Every structure is written in structure tokens, then in C-alpha cells.
């Protein structure tokens, strides 16, 4: 591996590490919030699907899928038609 290849590999590793940190931060609840399953619109979920079909926000394929979730104010999930527990696998 020459210097150029090593530099490119280091740059790619840095980008991957930064992406992982961002994904972890996005998964953390802010304030008094809870995960609400079954209310996310297509492309508007907050993070990974509960069934593992994808691992990122904004990848929901359909509206109100039971495996997709969004953060909502604590105590408002069921009023919005969702569930606070992930569906059984």
C-alpha cells in the first residue's frame, strides 16, 4: 500500500466513523419522548426498523408500518394511533 492509498483509506475510515456517531446521536431520545410504532409516514421514520429491514432514518417504505417508529411526546403515542412497544418478531 503506497502513501496515497493509505491516505484514501484513512479518509474513508474517518467518514465512516463520523457517520456512525451521527446515527447513534439521532437514535437518542430528546427530552420527554418515546418511540411510537406504526405512525411514521413513508420516508419519515426516525431510525432503524424494529425488524432489521433497514438501519437508517427516512427509509420507511410505506405509511404506518408497524415496524417503523417516530419519537413523540411521552404519553401521546396511543392517542396518535400508535403503540409504544415494538411488534413481536
N, C-alpha and C. Protein backbone atom coordinates (compact mmCIF):
# COMPACT_ATOMS: atom_id res chain seq x y z
N UNK A 1 0.86 -1.17 0.00
CA UNK A 1 0.00 0.00 0.00
C UNK A 1 0.90 1.23 0.00
N UNK A 2 0.71 2.10 -0.97
CA UNK A 2 1.52 3.32 -1.01
C UNK A 2 0.87 4.41 -0.17
N UNK A 3 1.55 5.55 -0.11
CA UNK A 3 1.05 6.65 0.74
C UNK A 3 -0.33 7.14 0.30
N UNK A 4 -0.54 7.20 -0.99
CA UNK A 4 -1.83 7.69 -1.50
C UNK A 4 -2.96 6.76 -1.09
N UNK A 5 -2.76 5.47 -1.23
CA UNK A 5 -3.79 4.50 -0.85
C UNK A 5 -4.06 4.55 0.65
N UNK A 6 -2.99 4.72 1.43
CA UNK A 6 -3.15 4.80 2.89
C UNK A 6 -3.94 6.05 3.27
N UNK A 7 -3.66 7.15 2.60
CA UNK A 7 -4.37 8.40 2.87
C UNK A 7 -5.86 8.27 2.52
N UNK A 8 -6.14 7.66 1.38
CA UNK A 8 -7.54 7.46 0.98
C UNK A 8 -8.25 6.54 1.96
N UNK A 9 -7.59 5.47 2.38
CA UNK A 9 -8.19 4.54 3.35
C UNK A 9 -8.47 5.24 4.67
N UNK A 10 -7.55 6.09 5.12
CA UNK A 10 -7.74 6.82 6.37
C UNK A 10 -8.90 7.80 6.25
N UNK A 11 -9.01 8.47 5.11
CA UNK A 11 -10.11 9.41 4.90
C UNK A 11 -11.46 8.69 4.90
N UNK A 12 -11.53 7.56 4.23
CA UNK A 12 -12.77 6.79 4.21
C UNK A 12 -13.14 6.28 5.60
N UNK A 13 -12.15 5.85 6.36
CA UNK A 13 -12.40 5.39 7.73
C UNK A 13 -12.95 6.53 8.59
N UNK A 14 -12.42 7.73 8.39
CA UNK A 14 -12.90 8.90 9.15
C UNK A 14 -14.36 9.21 8.81
N UNK A 15 -14.70 9.16 7.54
CA UNK A 15 -16.08 9.42 7.11
C UNK A 15 -17.02 8.38 7.70
N UNK A 16 -16.62 7.12 7.66
CA UNK A 16 -17.46 6.05 8.23
C UNK A 16 -17.64 6.24 9.72
N UNK A 17 -16.58 6.59 10.43
CA UNK A 17 -16.67 6.79 11.87
C UNK A 17 -17.60 7.97 12.19
N UNK A 18 -17.49 9.04 11.43
CA UNK A 18 -18.36 10.20 11.66
C UNK A 18 -19.82 9.84 11.40
N UNK A 19 -20.08 9.03 10.39
CA UNK A 19 -21.45 8.60 10.10
C UNK A 19 -22.02 7.76 11.23
N UNK A 20 -21.21 6.90 11.80
CA UNK A 20 -21.66 6.04 12.90
C UNK A 20 -22.02 6.88 14.12
N UNK A 21 -21.23 7.90 14.41
CA UNK A 21 -21.51 8.77 15.55
C UNK A 21 -22.81 9.53 15.33
N UNK A 22 -23.03 10.02 14.13
CA UNK A 22 -24.26 10.74 13.80
C UNK A 22 -25.48 9.84 13.94
N UNK A 23 -25.38 8.61 13.46
CA UNK A 23 -26.51 7.68 13.55
C UNK A 23 -26.84 7.38 15.00
N UNK A 24 -25.84 7.22 15.84
CA UNK A 24 -26.07 6.95 17.26
C UNK A 24 -26.74 8.14 17.93
N UNK A 25 -26.29 9.34 17.61
CA UNK A 25 -26.87 10.54 18.20
C UNK A 25 -28.33 10.71 17.77
N UNK A 26 -28.64 10.36 16.54
CA UNK A 26 -30.01 10.50 16.04
C UNK A 26 -30.96 9.52 16.72
N UNK A 27 -30.44 8.41 17.20
CA UNK A 27 -31.27 7.38 17.83
C UNK A 27 -31.61 7.72 19.28
N UNK A 28 -30.91 8.68 19.87
CA UNK A 28 -31.12 9.01 21.28
C UNK A 28 -32.35 9.91 21.44
N UNK A 29 -33.24 9.59 22.38
CA UNK A 29 -34.42 10.43 22.57
C UNK A 29 -34.04 11.80 23.14
N UNK A 30 -34.80 12.80 22.77
CA UNK A 30 -34.54 14.15 23.24
C UNK A 30 -35.70 14.57 24.15
N UNK A 31 -35.37 14.90 25.38
CA UNK A 31 -36.40 15.34 26.32
C UNK A 31 -37.31 14.21 26.75
N UNK A 32 -38.57 14.54 26.98
CA UNK A 32 -39.58 13.57 27.40
C UNK A 32 -40.26 12.96 26.19
N UNK A 33 -39.56 12.09 25.50
CA UNK A 33 -40.09 11.48 24.28
C UNK A 33 -40.05 9.96 24.40
N UNK A 34 -40.84 9.31 23.55
CA UNK A 34 -40.84 7.85 23.50
C UNK A 34 -41.00 7.42 22.05
N UNK A 35 -40.55 6.19 21.76
CA UNK A 35 -40.73 5.63 20.43
C UNK A 35 -42.19 5.27 20.26
N UNK A 36 -42.73 5.61 19.09
CA UNK A 36 -44.12 5.29 18.79
C UNK A 36 -44.15 4.52 17.46
N UNK A 37 -44.52 3.26 17.53
CA UNK A 37 -44.53 2.38 16.36
C UNK A 37 -45.86 2.48 15.62
N UNK A 38 -45.77 2.46 14.29
CA UNK A 38 -46.98 2.41 13.47
C UNK A 38 -47.56 3.74 13.05
N UNK A 39 -46.85 4.84 13.28
CA UNK A 39 -47.40 6.15 12.89
C UNK A 39 -46.54 6.88 11.87
N UNK A 40 -45.35 6.35 11.58
CA UNK A 40 -44.43 7.04 10.65
C UNK A 40 -44.96 6.95 9.22
N UNK A 41 -44.89 8.05 8.52
CA UNK A 41 -45.24 8.08 7.11
C UNK A 41 -44.05 7.57 6.31
N UNK A 42 -44.27 7.16 5.08
CA UNK A 42 -43.19 6.67 4.22
C UNK A 42 -42.09 7.72 4.12
N UNK A 43 -40.86 7.29 4.38
CA UNK A 43 -39.71 8.18 4.30
C UNK A 43 -39.54 9.11 5.48
N UNK A 44 -40.36 8.96 6.54
CA UNK A 44 -40.29 9.89 7.67
C UNK A 44 -40.07 9.21 9.01
N UNK A 45 -39.58 7.96 9.01
CA UNK A 45 -39.28 7.29 10.28
C UNK A 45 -38.04 7.91 10.91
N UNK A 46 -37.90 7.78 12.23
CA UNK A 46 -36.77 8.41 12.92
C UNK A 46 -35.49 7.58 12.94
N UNK A 47 -35.58 6.27 12.84
CA UNK A 47 -34.36 5.45 12.79
C UNK A 47 -34.70 4.05 12.31
N UNK A 48 -33.87 3.09 12.68
CA UNK A 48 -33.96 1.72 12.17
C UNK A 48 -35.32 1.07 12.40
N UNK A 49 -35.72 0.20 11.49
CA UNK A 49 -36.95 -0.57 11.65
C UNK A 49 -36.74 -1.63 12.73
N UNK A 50 -37.78 -1.95 13.46
CA UNK A 50 -37.66 -2.92 14.55
C UNK A 50 -37.38 -4.33 14.04
N UNK A 51 -37.70 -4.62 12.78
CA UNK A 51 -37.45 -5.95 12.23
C UNK A 51 -36.09 -6.06 11.54
N UNK A 52 -35.31 -4.99 11.56
CA UNK A 52 -33.98 -5.01 10.97
C UNK A 52 -33.93 -4.87 9.46
N UNK A 53 -35.03 -4.51 8.84
CA UNK A 53 -35.04 -4.39 7.38
C UNK A 53 -34.20 -3.22 6.86
N UNK A 54 -33.94 -2.24 7.70
CA UNK A 54 -33.01 -1.14 7.39
C UNK A 54 -32.54 -0.53 8.70
N UNK A 55 -31.49 0.29 8.60
CA UNK A 55 -30.90 0.82 9.83
C UNK A 55 -30.81 2.34 9.88
N UNK A 56 -31.57 3.01 9.03
CA UNK A 56 -31.45 4.47 8.99
C UNK A 56 -32.80 5.17 8.98
N UNK A 57 -32.76 6.42 9.38
CA UNK A 57 -33.95 7.27 9.34
C UNK A 57 -34.34 7.54 7.90
N UNK A 58 -35.61 7.77 7.68
CA UNK A 58 -36.09 8.16 6.36
C UNK A 58 -36.19 7.03 5.35
N UNK A 59 -36.13 5.78 5.80
CA UNK A 59 -36.19 4.67 4.85
C UNK A 59 -37.47 3.85 4.92
N UNK A 60 -38.47 4.33 5.63
CA UNK A 60 -39.75 3.61 5.68
C UNK A 60 -40.33 3.56 4.27
N UNK A 61 -40.80 2.41 3.86
CA UNK A 61 -41.31 2.22 2.50
C UNK A 61 -42.80 2.53 2.37
N UNK A 62 -43.54 2.47 3.49
CA UNK A 62 -44.98 2.72 3.43
C UNK A 62 -45.45 3.44 4.68
N UNK A 63 -46.59 4.07 4.59
CA UNK A 63 -47.18 4.78 5.73
C UNK A 63 -47.62 3.78 6.80
N UNK A 64 -47.41 4.16 8.05
CA UNK A 64 -47.94 3.45 9.22
C UNK A 64 -47.54 1.98 9.34
N UNK A 65 -46.36 1.62 8.86
CA UNK A 65 -45.87 0.24 9.01
C UNK A 65 -45.61 -0.02 10.49
N UNK A 66 -46.03 -1.16 11.00
CA UNK A 66 -45.91 -1.44 12.43
C UNK A 66 -44.47 -1.55 12.91
N UNK A 67 -43.51 -1.76 12.01
CA UNK A 67 -42.10 -1.87 12.40
C UNK A 67 -41.37 -0.53 12.37
N UNK A 68 -42.00 0.50 11.85
CA UNK A 68 -41.39 1.83 11.75
C UNK A 68 -41.86 2.70 12.90
N UNK A 69 -40.98 3.60 13.35
CA UNK A 69 -41.34 4.42 14.51
C UNK A 69 -40.85 5.85 14.37
N UNK A 70 -41.45 6.70 15.18
CA UNK A 70 -41.04 8.11 15.32
C UNK A 70 -41.04 8.43 16.80
N UNK A 71 -40.22 9.41 17.18
CA UNK A 71 -40.29 9.91 18.55
C UNK A 71 -41.48 10.84 18.67
N UNK A 72 -42.23 10.68 19.75
CA UNK A 72 -43.36 11.57 20.05
C UNK A 72 -43.27 11.96 21.52
N UNK A 73 -43.99 12.99 21.90
CA UNK A 73 -44.03 13.39 23.30
C UNK A 73 -44.58 12.24 24.13
N UNK A 74 -43.95 12.01 25.27
CA UNK A 74 -44.35 10.91 26.14
C UNK A 74 -45.84 11.01 26.47
N UNK A 75 -46.55 9.89 26.32
CA UNK A 75 -47.97 9.85 26.64
C UNK A 75 -48.90 10.16 25.48
N UNK A 76 -48.35 10.48 24.29
CA UNK A 76 -49.21 10.85 23.16
C UNK A 76 -49.26 9.79 22.07
N UNK A 77 -48.49 8.74 22.18
CA UNK A 77 -48.40 7.74 21.12
C UNK A 77 -49.74 7.07 20.84
N UNK A 78 -50.37 6.54 21.86
CA UNK A 78 -51.63 5.81 21.65
C UNK A 78 -52.74 6.73 21.14
N UNK A 79 -52.70 8.00 21.54
CA UNK A 79 -53.69 8.96 21.04
C UNK A 79 -53.52 9.16 19.53
N UNK A 80 -52.27 9.02 19.05
CA UNK A 80 -51.98 9.19 17.63
C UNK A 80 -52.24 7.90 16.84
N UNK A 81 -52.65 6.84 17.54
CA UNK A 81 -52.94 5.58 16.86
C UNK A 81 -51.78 4.61 16.81
N UNK A 82 -50.70 4.90 17.57
CA UNK A 82 -49.53 4.03 17.56
C UNK A 82 -49.42 3.17 18.79
N UNK A 83 -48.29 2.45 18.87
CA UNK A 83 -48.01 1.58 20.02
C UNK A 83 -46.61 1.89 20.53
N UNK A 84 -46.44 1.82 21.84
CA UNK A 84 -45.14 2.14 22.44
C UNK A 84 -44.21 0.93 22.49
N UNK A 85 -44.71 -0.24 22.16
CA UNK A 85 -43.87 -1.44 22.15
C UNK A 85 -43.70 -1.93 20.72
N UNK A 86 -42.48 -2.39 20.41
CA UNK A 86 -42.21 -2.92 19.08
C UNK A 86 -43.03 -4.19 18.85
N UNK A 87 -43.44 -4.44 17.61
CA UNK A 87 -44.18 -5.66 17.33
C UNK A 87 -43.31 -6.89 17.58
N UNK A 88 -43.93 -8.01 17.92
CA UNK A 88 -43.20 -9.25 18.15
C UNK A 88 -42.52 -9.69 16.86
N UNK A 89 -41.34 -10.24 17.02
CA UNK A 89 -40.59 -10.69 15.83
C UNK A 89 -41.00 -12.07 15.41
